[in-house]
Amino acid sequence: MKTNLLILIAIVGLGGCASNQSNQYELKTVAAYERAEADRKKLVTPSVQSPPRYVQQSELKIKAKALLHQNIQDESQETYVEIKGNGIKNVAMEPVSTFSIDVDTAAYANARRFIVDGRLPPKNSVRVEEFINYFSYQYENPKDFNSPFAMHTEVGPSPWSKDRYLLHVGIKGIDIEPEDRKSKNLVFLLDVSGSMHARNKLGLVKKSLSLLTKQLTESDTVAIVVYAGSSGLVLPPTPASKRAVIMNALDQLQAGGSTNGGAGIQLAYKTAQEAFIENGVNRVILATDGDFNVGVVGVENLVNMISKKKKNGIGLTVLGFGMGNYNDHLMEMISNKGDGNAAYIDTLKEAQKVLVNDLEANMVTIAKDTKIQIEFNPAIVSEYRLVGYENRHLNREDFNNDKIDAGEVGAGHSVTAIYEIALVGSENLAFSPLRYDKNDFLEKQGTGSMNELAYLKIRYKRPNESNSNLLTHIIDRSMIKNNLENTSESFQFSAAVSAFAQKLRGGTHLNDYEYKSIMKLARQSRGSDGHGYRSEFLQLVELASSL
């Protein structure tokens, strides 16, 4: 089956300028291949894993799951892959939750573009974690400078369910002082095909990268590679101090021709390798609407090449532009494979956020392959649901496997995850109690762990290391706040953002929580808003409610 899929992918890749129809066909094939690979891995007997902290796990049963049809949504020929929302888990049956962190923000900016245009975004374009992580939450910096980030946890009432609580988990990456700033070797890989011929595409690309160039210093270099029907080196690695030369090269670019993204990516990585800076930042910045085929390279070879280059210390940042043929799925896939991040730029203000305000966070990796694992105490927690991160799930045994790829944390980045939990004895539980269930937790553990709500573990690698490090944190029952007003602004605002994203996805778990309630919660927790991002969020919620 796998061989047939690869042959089909290669045949699709032989096309020159792919039409919208062939692009979607190719993406369906790639998605099918990825699903098949994921399901194949689930059938492999799990490797040795850490014993549970609270309960004795029964013998693992390997369950074969049928392939789910993954519907590709079409919104004016835009490509989004189906997201199946997380369900509620019974702690007695599944006490452990494991996932890879995600610092992408593309979904929020893309949804903003739809709403401002007078339309609600397609359901499958909304990734809740990218809405939450669009905002920073004023977490304190790490106190231990031997660790690249600090952990923050908080538990308070769920705004949309009186019977449940939210567990807020935050990670704050260490900031880089100006004197510790690393030299950057940046290669701008720009799509100049005919589909980019619009002011909000290539025109905005030029303005955005001009903003970025002005932030660079004489120790940095910039190269420009373009691709359309063929690829070419417009500007060899050039010191950023020669700003006029770089700006002139950007200004001369014009859109036209067919698309061959694979060849452009090959040349961009080759250029980055030739100008490689030891102990510096080496990164390819791809700016495109994603409407490109991969030429004769083939999707699998393209992904393998990106994965190989990241091992050589070259990262990938993907910047999405435009509308009408935006290929969200492909862009997210290649950014994940390239130890990178993905952002969507719909305005010059968003370019300012991504490429100026958050420049170091998006360019400088301080921790890679970062995974989170939480084990809930069944004596206290009855049910849980991870809000978002659907495409970042990991198997439990993957947490201890350093060969499993996971997410990256940038300098100064904050990453937030939210669990909705129900305590033992709560009303309106999703699961009825089992007739034959016997909870012998107290007999085995005594009373010493009765105050532990959950056990949080984070595993990460330093940028130049292959072995992971482990951080642990006990979430104590005494942390629970029973009044929402007593929780922090960060807790409340992140809850409002997550509710908005869930609402756009249909609001399955929000009960009767309406837009006006989201606005009220966000308004009262807006706090410091120097760049106006939170005020803009309030405007989006209000506009979405009228749509």
Protein backbone atom coordinates (compact mmCIF):
# COMPACT_ATOMS: atom_id res chain seq x y z
CA MET A 1 0.00 0.00 0.00
CA LYS A 2 2.79 2.38 0.98
CA THR A 3 4.69 1.69 -2.25
CA ASN A 4 1.62 2.41 -4.34
CA LEU A 5 1.07 5.67 -2.50
CA LEU A 6 4.66 6.76 -3.07
CA ILE A 7 4.40 5.98 -6.77
CA LEU A 8 1.21 8.02 -6.98
CA ILE A 9 2.88 10.91 -5.15
CA ALA A 10 5.82 10.83 -7.56
CA ILE A 11 3.51 10.85 -10.57
CA VAL A 12 1.61 13.85 -9.22
CA GLY A 13 4.91 15.63 -8.57
CA LEU A 14 5.96 15.39 -12.24
CA GLY A 15 3.48 18.08 -13.24
CA GLY A 16 4.77 21.54 -14.14
CA CYS A 17 2.35 24.25 -13.09
CA ALA A 18 -0.22 22.44 -10.99
CA SER A 19 -3.79 23.58 -11.22
CA ASN A 20 -5.83 24.09 -8.07
CA GLN A 21 -7.47 20.73 -8.72
CA SER A 22 -4.16 18.86 -9.00
CA ASN A 23 -2.80 20.63 -5.93
CA GLN A 24 -5.75 19.40 -3.90
CA TYR A 25 -5.36 15.90 -5.35
CA GLU A 26 -1.71 15.87 -4.36
CA LEU A 27 -2.51 17.01 -0.83
CA LYS A 28 -5.16 14.32 -0.43
CA THR A 29 -2.55 11.75 -1.42
CA VAL A 30 0.00 13.12 1.00
CA ALA A 31 -2.59 13.20 3.78
CA ALA A 32 -3.51 9.57 3.06
CA TYR A 33 0.14 8.59 3.16
CA GLU A 34 0.65 10.36 6.49
CA ARG A 35 -2.44 8.72 7.99
CA ALA A 36 -1.29 5.30 6.84
CA GLU A 37 2.13 5.84 8.40
CA ALA A 38 0.61 7.09 11.66
CA ASP A 39 -1.73 4.10 11.91
CA ARG A 40 1.10 1.72 11.06
CA LYS A 41 3.13 3.07 13.97
CA LYS A 42 0.18 2.59 16.33
CA LEU A 43 0.23 -1.14 15.55
CA VAL A 44 3.85 -1.56 16.63
CA THR A 45 4.31 -2.92 20.15
CA PRO A 46 5.15 0.04 22.42
CA SER A 47 8.68 0.39 23.78
CA VAL A 48 9.47 0.42 27.49
CA GLN A 49 7.86 3.42 29.13
CA SER A 50 7.88 5.06 32.53
CA PRO A 51 5.60 3.37 35.11
CA PRO A 52 2.54 5.38 36.10
CA ARG A 53 2.85 7.52 39.20
CA TYR A 54 -0.60 6.93 40.58
CA VAL A 55 -2.10 3.75 39.15
CA GLN A 56 -0.91 0.37 38.06
CA GLN A 57 -1.53 0.19 34.33
CA SER A 58 -3.08 -3.03 33.07
CA GLU A 59 -1.42 -4.85 30.16
CA LEU A 60 -1.37 -2.60 27.11
CA LYS A 61 -3.74 -3.67 24.37
CA ILE A 62 -2.90 -2.84 20.80
CA LYS A 63 -6.00 -1.68 18.98
CA ALA A 64 -6.13 -1.37 15.23
CA LYS A 65 -8.05 1.71 14.19
CA ALA A 66 -9.62 2.00 10.76
CA LEU A 67 -8.42 4.88 8.62
CA LEU A 68 -10.73 7.85 9.02
CA HIS A 69 -11.65 9.66 5.85
CA GLN A 70 -9.82 12.97 6.12
CA ASN A 71 -11.95 15.48 4.28
CA ILE A 72 -10.18 18.38 2.59
CA GLN A 73 -12.19 21.55 3.01
CA ASP A 74 -12.45 23.91 0.08
CA GLU A 75 -12.99 27.61 0.74
CA SER A 76 -12.41 29.42 -2.56
CA GLN A 77 -9.86 26.70 -3.42
CA GLU A 78 -8.08 27.04 -0.07
CA THR A 79 -6.83 23.78 1.43
CA TYR A 80 -7.45 22.75 5.04
CA VAL A 81 -7.20 19.29 6.54
CA GLU A 82 -9.92 17.93 8.81
CA ILE A 83 -9.36 18.36 12.55
CA LYS A 84 -11.21 15.93 14.78
CA GLY A 85 -11.64 17.66 18.14
CA ASN A 86 -10.34 16.09 21.35
CA GLY A 87 -12.85 14.14 23.35
CA ILE A 88 -13.18 13.75 27.11
CA LYS A 89 -10.92 11.12 28.67
CA ASN A 90 -11.67 8.98 31.72
CA VAL A 91 -8.70 9.23 34.10
CA ALA A 92 -9.28 5.72 35.45
CA MET A 93 -8.80 4.35 31.92
CA GLU A 94 -6.38 6.89 30.41
CA PRO A 95 -4.53 8.79 33.15
CA VAL A 96 -1.68 10.01 30.91
CA SER A 97 -1.81 12.72 28.22
CA THR A 98 1.21 13.32 25.95
CA PHE A 99 1.70 15.88 23.21
CA SER A 100 4.27 17.99 21.39
CA ILE A 101 4.29 21.73 22.01
CA ASP A 102 3.34 24.11 19.19
CA VAL A 103 4.34 27.76 18.80
CA ASP A 104 2.70 28.41 15.42
CA THR A 105 0.26 31.32 15.16
CA ALA A 106 -0.85 31.09 11.52
CA ALA A 107 -4.40 29.91 12.27
CA TYR A 108 -5.29 32.99 14.32
CA ALA A 109 -4.08 35.50 11.74
CA ASN A 110 -5.77 33.53 8.97
CA ALA A 111 -9.08 33.50 10.86
CA ARG A 112 -8.76 37.23 11.42
CA ARG A 113 -8.47 37.69 7.67
CA PHE A 114 -11.77 35.82 7.14
CA ILE A 115 -13.62 37.70 9.87
CA VAL A 116 -12.44 41.13 8.74
CA ASP A 117 -13.57 40.14 5.24
CA GLY A 118 -17.07 39.48 6.61
CA ARG A 119 -17.01 35.68 6.78
CA LEU A 120 -16.55 33.17 9.56
CA PRO A 121 -13.44 31.03 8.93
CA PRO A 122 -13.80 27.42 7.80
CA LYS A 123 -14.05 25.14 10.82
CA ASN A 124 -10.94 23.17 9.92
CA SER A 125 -8.81 26.29 9.55
CA VAL A 126 -9.15 26.92 13.30
CA ARG A 127 -6.43 25.33 15.44
CA VAL A 128 -7.22 26.29 19.02
CA GLU A 129 -3.63 26.15 20.30
CA GLU A 130 -2.52 28.65 17.63
CA PHE A 131 -5.17 31.09 18.83
CA ILE A 132 -4.01 30.71 22.44
CA ASN A 133 -0.30 30.98 21.59
CA TYR A 134 -0.78 34.07 19.45
CA PHE A 135 -0.72 36.04 22.71
CA SER A 136 1.94 36.31 25.39
CA TYR A 137 0.87 35.88 29.01
CA GLN A 138 3.46 37.74 31.09
CA TYR A 139 5.03 34.59 32.50
CA GLU A 140 8.13 35.14 34.62
CA ASN A 141 11.50 34.31 33.11
CA PRO A 142 13.35 31.17 34.29
CA LYS A 143 15.06 31.66 37.63
CA ASP A 144 17.44 28.80 36.90
CA PHE A 145 19.58 29.92 33.98
CA ASN A 146 20.68 26.32 33.43
CA SER A 147 17.16 25.65 32.16
CA PRO A 148 15.96 27.18 28.88
CA PHE A 149 12.47 27.80 30.17
CA ALA A 150 10.27 28.04 33.25
CA MET A 151 7.01 26.21 33.94
CA HIS A 152 3.84 27.91 35.22
CA THR A 153 0.62 26.19 36.28
CA GLU A 154 -2.73 27.48 37.54
CA VAL A 155 -6.11 25.84 38.21
CA GLY A 156 -9.42 27.70 38.30
CA PRO A 157 -13.10 27.35 37.41
CA SER A 158 -14.10 26.77 33.81
CA PRO A 159 -16.02 29.84 32.60
CA TRP A 160 -18.38 27.73 30.51
CA SER A 161 -19.06 24.82 32.91
CA LYS A 162 -19.83 25.14 36.62
CA ASP A 163 -18.92 21.48 37.12
CA ARG A 164 -15.40 21.71 35.70
CA TYR A 165 -12.05 23.45 36.12
CA LEU A 166 -9.33 24.57 33.74
CA LEU A 167 -5.71 23.56 34.23
CA HIS A 168 -3.49 26.23 32.67
CA VAL A 169 0.06 25.09 31.80
CA GLY A 170 2.53 27.71 30.59
CA ILE A 171 6.14 27.56 29.39
CA LYS A 172 8.28 30.68 29.16
CA GLY A 173 11.49 30.55 27.14
CA ILE A 174 14.48 32.46 28.41
CA ASP A 175 15.06 35.86 26.80
CA ILE A 176 18.32 36.58 25.02
CA GLU A 177 20.19 39.65 26.12
CA PRO A 178 21.38 41.98 23.31
CA GLU A 179 25.02 41.19 24.05
CA ASP A 180 24.29 37.46 23.68
CA ARG A 181 22.58 37.86 20.33
CA LYS A 182 23.73 35.34 17.71
CA SER A 183 24.71 36.18 14.13
CA LYS A 184 22.08 35.21 11.56
CA ASN A 185 22.46 33.56 8.17
CA LEU A 186 19.04 34.05 6.55
CA VAL A 187 17.94 32.87 3.13
CA PHE A 188 14.71 34.42 1.85
CA LEU A 189 12.99 31.81 -0.33
CA LEU A 190 10.31 33.71 -2.24
CA ASP A 191 7.48 32.41 -4.37
CA VAL A 192 7.27 34.67 -7.45
CA SER A 193 4.90 32.50 -9.46
CA GLY A 194 1.82 33.91 -11.13
CA SER A 195 -0.40 33.07 -8.14
CA MET A 196 1.58 35.60 -6.06
CA HIS A 197 0.66 38.52 -8.32
CA ALA A 198 -1.33 40.58 -5.83
CA ARG A 199 -0.65 43.43 -3.41
CA ASN A 200 -1.46 41.24 -0.41
CA LYS A 201 0.95 38.59 -1.71
CA LEU A 202 4.27 39.49 -3.31
CA GLY A 203 3.76 43.18 -2.58
CA LEU A 204 3.27 42.46 1.12
CA VAL A 205 6.17 39.97 1.07
CA LYS A 206 8.54 42.73 -0.04
CA LYS A 207 7.37 45.15 2.63
CA SER A 208 7.48 42.48 5.34
CA LEU A 209 11.02 41.36 4.56
CA SER A 210 12.11 44.98 4.37
CA LEU A 211 10.99 45.34 7.99
CA LEU A 212 12.99 42.26 8.91
CA THR A 213 16.10 43.44 7.09
CA LYS A 214 16.12 46.68 9.07
CA GLN A 215 16.42 44.68 12.31
CA LEU A 216 19.63 42.94 11.22
CA THR A 217 23.20 43.99 12.00
CA GLU A 218 26.50 43.89 10.15
CA SER A 219 27.24 40.41 11.52
CA ASP A 220 24.16 39.01 9.74
CA THR A 221 23.82 37.93 6.11
CA VAL A 222 20.87 37.78 3.74
CA ALA A 223 20.47 35.79 0.54
CA ILE A 224 17.45 35.74 -1.78
CA VAL A 225 16.30 32.69 -3.72
CA VAL A 226 13.18 32.78 -5.90
CA TYR A 227 11.20 30.09 -7.62
CA ALA A 228 8.54 29.99 -10.29
CA GLY A 229 8.87 27.73 -13.35
CA SER A 230 12.51 27.43 -12.33
CA SER A 231 14.52 28.56 -9.31
CA GLY A 232 17.27 31.11 -9.15
CA LEU A 233 19.68 32.90 -6.83
CA VAL A 234 18.75 36.58 -6.97
CA LEU A 235 21.14 37.68 -4.24
CA PRO A 236 24.08 35.64 -2.87
CA PRO A 237 24.75 35.82 0.89
CA THR A 238 25.22 39.54 1.51
CA PRO A 239 26.12 41.39 4.73
CA ALA A 240 23.01 42.97 6.20
CA SER A 241 24.94 46.23 6.45
CA LYS A 242 24.51 46.51 2.66
CA ARG A 243 20.87 47.28 3.17
CA ALA A 244 20.42 49.23 -0.06
CA VAL A 245 21.61 46.23 -2.10
CA ILE A 246 19.18 43.91 -0.33
CA MET A 247 16.27 46.35 -0.67
CA ASN A 248 16.98 46.87 -4.35
CA ALA A 249 16.98 43.10 -4.96
CA LEU A 250 13.59 42.82 -3.24
CA ASP A 251 12.15 45.75 -5.18
CA GLN A 252 13.07 44.21 -8.53
CA LEU A 253 11.04 41.03 -7.96
CA GLN A 254 7.95 40.47 -10.10
CA ALA A 255 5.43 37.64 -10.12
CA GLY A 256 4.85 35.46 -13.15
CA GLY A 257 5.15 31.93 -14.47
CA SER A 258 4.37 28.48 -13.11
CA THR A 259 5.46 27.06 -9.78
CA ASN A 260 8.16 24.58 -8.78
CA GLY A 261 8.58 24.90 -5.02
CA GLY A 262 10.71 21.78 -4.61
CA ALA A 263 13.57 23.11 -6.71
CA GLY A 264 13.49 26.43 -4.88
CA ILE A 265 13.70 24.76 -1.48
CA GLN A 266 16.67 22.69 -2.64
CA LEU A 267 18.55 25.77 -3.80
CA ALA A 268 17.66 27.72 -0.64
CA TYR A 269 19.06 25.03 1.65
CA LYS A 270 22.17 24.72 -0.52
CA THR A 271 22.71 28.48 -0.23
CA ALA A 272 22.19 28.40 3.54
CA GLN A 273 24.67 25.54 3.88
CA GLU A 274 27.35 27.39 1.93
CA ALA A 275 27.02 30.46 4.20
CA PHE A 276 26.62 28.41 7.39
CA ILE A 277 27.56 30.23 10.62
CA GLU A 278 28.87 27.98 13.39
CA ASN A 279 26.98 28.62 16.66
CA GLY A 280 24.80 31.11 14.80
CA VAL A 281 21.24 31.18 13.48
CA ASN A 282 20.94 29.49 10.09
CA ARG A 283 17.44 29.61 8.68
CA VAL A 284 15.45 29.48 5.44
CA ILE A 285 12.44 31.82 5.42
CA LEU A 286 9.84 30.63 2.92
CA ALA A 287 7.25 33.22 1.85
CA THR A 288 4.43 31.82 -0.29
CA ASP A 289 0.70 31.30 -0.63
CA GLY A 290 1.48 27.58 -0.57
CA ASP A 291 -0.01 27.04 -4.02
CA PHE A 292 2.94 25.14 -5.41
CA ASN A 293 3.76 21.65 -6.54
CA VAL A 294 7.04 19.99 -5.64
CA GLY A 295 8.28 19.36 -9.17
CA VAL A 296 10.32 16.23 -9.79
CA VAL A 297 11.45 16.12 -6.15
CA GLY A 298 8.33 14.34 -4.87
CA VAL A 299 6.62 15.02 -1.57
CA GLU A 300 8.36 12.27 0.40
CA ASN A 301 11.80 13.28 -0.85
CA LEU A 302 11.02 16.92 -0.09
CA VAL A 303 10.03 16.10 3.49
CA ASN A 304 13.09 13.87 3.94
CA MET A 305 15.35 16.62 2.62
CA ILE A 306 13.90 19.18 5.04
CA SER A 307 14.25 16.72 7.93
CA LYS A 308 17.88 16.05 6.99
CA LYS A 309 18.77 19.73 6.70
CA LYS A 310 17.41 20.49 10.15
CA LYS A 311 19.88 17.95 11.52
CA ASN A 312 22.59 20.06 9.91
CA GLY A 313 21.44 23.05 11.92
CA ILE A 314 19.30 24.81 9.30
CA GLY A 315 15.81 25.76 10.47
CA LEU A 316 12.74 26.67 8.43
CA THR A 317 10.25 29.48 8.95
CA VAL A 318 7.13 29.45 6.77
CA LEU A 319 5.26 32.70 6.14
CA GLY A 320 1.87 32.43 4.46
CA PHE A 321 0.38 35.21 2.36
CA GLY A 322 -2.75 35.86 0.35
CA MET A 323 -6.17 34.33 -0.05
CA GLY A 324 -8.19 32.29 -2.49
CA ASN A 325 -5.65 29.51 -3.00
CA TYR A 326 -3.93 29.47 0.40
CA ASN A 327 -2.58 25.97 1.12
CA ASP A 328 -2.62 25.80 4.91
CA HIS A 329 -2.05 22.05 5.22
CA LEU A 330 1.11 21.83 3.13
CA MET A 331 2.68 24.84 4.82
CA GLU A 332 2.06 23.49 8.31
CA MET A 333 3.43 20.10 7.33
CA ILE A 334 6.75 21.32 5.97
CA SER A 335 7.30 23.80 8.82
CA ASN A 336 6.82 20.96 11.33
CA LYS A 337 9.29 18.77 9.46
CA GLY A 338 11.88 21.56 9.37
CA ASP A 339 12.16 22.32 13.09
CA GLY A 340 10.38 25.53 12.23
CA ASN A 341 7.33 27.64 12.79
CA ALA A 342 4.50 28.89 10.65
CA ALA A 343 2.87 32.31 10.62
CA TYR A 344 0.27 33.90 8.37
CA ILE A 345 0.80 37.53 7.39
CA ASP A 346 -2.33 39.35 6.28
CA THR A 347 -1.24 42.91 7.11
CA LEU A 348 1.91 44.93 7.62
CA LYS A 349 1.00 45.09 11.32
CA GLU A 350 1.20 41.29 11.49
CA ALA A 351 4.57 41.42 9.72
CA GLN A 352 5.70 43.85 12.44
CA LYS A 353 4.63 41.35 15.13
CA VAL A 354 6.24 38.28 13.54
CA LEU A 355 9.41 39.77 12.06
CA VAL A 356 10.18 42.64 14.42
CA ASN A 357 8.54 42.30 17.84
CA ASP A 358 8.94 38.50 17.97
CA LEU A 359 12.03 38.25 15.77
CA GLU A 360 14.31 36.46 18.25
CA ALA A 361 11.51 34.13 19.37
CA ASN A 362 10.80 33.09 15.79
CA MET A 363 14.43 32.80 14.68
CA VAL A 364 16.45 31.58 17.68
CA THR A 365 15.70 28.06 19.00
CA ILE A 366 16.54 27.48 22.67
CA ALA A 367 14.94 24.03 23.05
CA LYS A 368 13.96 21.43 20.47
CA ASP A 369 11.85 18.26 20.47
CA THR A 370 9.90 19.59 23.45
CA LYS A 371 7.18 17.29 24.76
CA ILE A 372 4.67 17.58 27.57
CA GLN A 373 3.23 14.68 29.54
CA ILE A 374 0.68 14.99 32.32
CA GLU A 375 -0.48 12.14 34.54
CA PHE A 376 -3.70 12.86 36.38
CA ASN A 377 -4.39 11.46 39.85
CA PRO A 378 -7.58 9.32 39.61
CA ALA A 379 -8.26 9.82 43.32
CA ILE A 380 -8.89 13.53 42.61
CA VAL A 381 -9.49 13.96 38.86
CA SER A 382 -12.22 11.99 37.16
CA GLU A 383 -12.09 13.36 33.57
CA TYR A 384 -9.97 15.62 31.39
CA ARG A 385 -9.93 17.10 27.91
CA LEU A 386 -6.95 18.73 26.22
CA VAL A 387 -8.14 21.91 24.49
CA GLY A 388 -6.52 21.96 21.04
CA TYR A 389 -3.23 20.34 19.96
CA GLU A 390 -5.18 17.70 18.02
CA ASN A 391 -2.43 17.25 15.43
CA ARG A 392 0.30 17.22 18.10
CA HIS A 393 -0.74 14.09 19.99
CA LEU A 394 2.01 11.62 20.86
CA ASN A 395 1.82 8.06 22.08
CA ARG A 396 2.64 7.65 25.75
CA GLU A 397 5.83 5.74 24.98
CA ASP A 398 6.99 8.52 22.61
CA PHE A 399 7.72 10.75 25.58
CA ASN A 400 10.85 8.79 26.54
CA ASN A 401 11.96 8.17 22.95
CA ASP A 402 14.53 10.77 21.92
CA LYS A 403 14.13 9.79 18.26
CA ILE A 404 10.58 11.14 18.17
CA ASP A 405 10.34 14.60 16.61
CA ALA A 406 8.50 17.27 18.59
CA GLY A 407 8.16 21.05 18.80
CA GLU A 408 10.67 23.85 19.27
CA VAL A 409 10.72 26.74 21.74
CA GLY A 410 12.21 30.08 20.67
CA ALA A 411 13.97 32.67 22.78
CA GLY A 412 11.39 34.49 24.89
CA HIS A 413 8.56 32.38 23.50
CA SER A 414 5.63 31.55 25.73
CA VAL A 415 3.66 28.35 25.06
CA THR A 416 0.34 27.65 26.73
CA ALA A 417 -1.84 24.54 27.00
CA ILE A 418 -5.23 24.26 28.68
CA TYR A 419 -6.92 21.14 30.06
CA GLU A 420 -10.55 21.08 31.11
CA ILE A 421 -10.89 18.73 34.09
CA ALA A 422 -13.67 17.36 36.27
CA LEU A 423 -12.95 16.34 39.86
CA VAL A 424 -14.10 13.12 41.44
CA GLY A 425 -17.63 13.55 42.76
CA SER A 426 -18.53 16.32 40.31
CA GLU A 427 -21.97 16.42 38.78
CA ASN A 428 -22.69 15.92 35.09
CA LEU A 429 -19.68 13.71 34.40
CA ALA A 430 -19.37 12.42 30.85
CA PHE A 431 -18.72 8.84 32.01
CA SER A 432 -20.96 6.80 34.26
CA PRO A 433 -19.15 4.89 37.02
CA LEU A 434 -18.23 1.29 36.27
CA ARG A 435 -20.13 -1.41 38.14
CA TYR A 436 -17.04 -3.49 38.83
CA ASP A 437 -14.44 -0.74 39.17
CA LYS A 438 -12.41 -0.95 42.37
CA ASN A 439 -10.29 2.07 43.23
CA ASP A 440 -7.54 0.71 45.45
CA PHE A 441 -5.38 3.82 44.97
CA LEU A 442 -5.44 4.71 48.68
CA GLU A 443 -4.47 1.17 49.69
CA LYS A 444 -1.44 1.26 47.38
CA GLN A 445 -0.30 4.84 47.85
CA GLY A 446 -1.46 5.73 51.34
CA THR A 447 -2.43 9.32 52.01
CA GLY A 448 0.89 10.93 51.03
CA SER A 449 -0.17 11.69 47.45
CA MET A 450 -3.74 12.72 48.19
CA ASN A 451 -2.95 16.38 47.56
CA GLU A 452 -1.43 15.79 44.12
CA LEU A 453 -3.81 16.77 41.35
CA ALA A 454 -1.44 15.82 38.56
CA TYR A 455 2.21 15.24 37.72
CA LEU A 456 3.67 17.36 34.91
CA LYS A 457 6.75 16.32 32.95
CA ILE A 458 8.52 18.20 30.18
CA ARG A 459 11.24 16.65 28.06
CA TYR A 460 13.43 18.73 25.75
CA LYS A 461 16.80 18.82 23.99
CA ARG A 462 19.21 21.71 23.84
CA PRO A 463 19.73 22.92 20.23
CA ASN A 464 23.07 21.14 19.71
CA GLU A 465 22.35 18.02 21.74
CA SER A 466 20.74 14.68 20.88
CA ASN A 467 19.90 13.49 24.40
CA SER A 468 16.90 14.97 26.17
CA ASN A 469 16.57 16.59 29.58
CA LEU A 470 13.65 16.10 31.95
CA LEU A 471 11.81 18.67 34.07
CA THR A 472 9.07 17.65 36.52
CA HIS A 473 6.47 19.59 38.47
CA ILE A 474 3.78 18.50 40.92
CA ILE A 475 0.43 20.24 40.51
CA ASP A 476 -1.00 20.35 44.00
CA ARG A 477 -4.67 20.28 44.89
CA SER A 478 -4.16 23.39 47.02
CA MET A 479 -3.59 25.34 43.77
CA ILE A 480 -7.29 25.11 42.87
CA LYS A 481 -9.06 28.47 42.96
CA ASN A 482 -12.82 28.21 43.28
CA ASN A 483 -13.56 31.75 42.15
CA LEU A 484 -12.75 32.88 38.60
CA GLU A 485 -12.12 36.44 39.82
CA ASN A 486 -9.23 35.13 41.93
CA THR A 487 -7.37 33.72 38.92
CA SER A 488 -4.72 35.68 37.04
CA GLU A 489 -5.29 37.86 33.99
CA SER A 490 -3.31 35.33 31.96
CA PHE A 491 -5.62 32.51 33.07
CA GLN A 492 -8.76 34.44 32.23
CA PHE A 493 -7.62 35.89 28.90
CA SER A 494 -6.27 32.56 27.63
CA ALA A 495 -9.61 30.98 28.61
CA ALA A 496 -11.46 33.63 26.60
CA VAL A 497 -9.23 33.04 23.56
CA SER A 498 -9.68 29.28 23.77
CA ALA A 499 -13.45 29.72 24.07
CA PHE A 500 -13.50 31.92 20.96
CA ALA A 501 -11.57 29.34 18.95
CA GLN A 502 -13.80 26.54 20.19
CA LYS A 503 -16.85 28.64 19.30
CA LEU A 504 -15.58 29.04 15.73
CA ARG A 505 -15.17 25.26 15.58
CA GLY A 506 -18.77 24.67 16.66
CA GLY A 507 -18.54 25.00 20.45
CA THR A 508 -19.28 21.33 21.21
CA HIS A 509 -18.03 21.58 24.80
CA LEU A 510 -19.02 25.18 25.55
CA ASN A 511 -22.61 24.51 26.67
CA ASP A 512 -24.48 27.85 26.33
CA TYR A 513 -21.38 30.06 26.53
CA GLU A 514 -21.98 32.86 24.03
CA TYR A 515 -19.86 35.49 22.29
CA LYS A 516 -20.97 38.18 24.72
CA SER A 517 -19.63 36.11 27.62
CA ILE A 518 -16.32 35.64 25.81
CA MET A 519 -16.11 39.40 25.26
CA LYS A 520 -16.87 40.12 28.92
CA LEU A 521 -14.17 37.74 30.13
CA ALA A 522 -11.59 39.05 27.65
CA ARG A 523 -12.39 42.68 28.45
CA GLN A 524 -11.99 42.25 32.21
CA SER A 525 -8.67 40.43 31.77
CA ARG A 526 -7.19 42.49 28.94
CA GLY A 527 -4.49 43.89 31.21
CA SER A 528 -1.34 45.40 29.68
CA ASP A 529 -1.77 45.66 25.92
CA GLY A 530 1.16 47.66 24.56
CA HIS A 531 0.78 46.50 20.97
CA GLY A 532 -3.02 46.43 20.92
CA TYR A 533 -3.30 42.70 20.14
CA ARG A 534 -5.79 42.05 22.93
CA SER A 535 -7.95 45.03 21.98
CA GLU A 536 -7.98 43.73 18.42
CA PHE A 537 -9.12 40.34 19.74
CA LEU A 538 -12.14 41.98 21.37
CA GLN A 539 -13.03 43.60 18.06
CA LEU A 540 -12.79 40.23 16.28
CA VAL A 541 -15.08 38.55 18.81
CA GLU A 542 -17.63 41.33 18.43
CA LEU A 543 -17.48 41.15 14.64
CA ALA A 544 -17.71 37.35 14.63
CA SER A 545 -20.80 37.51 16.86
CA SER A 546 -22.56 39.66 14.27
CA LEU A 547 -21.62 37.26 11.48
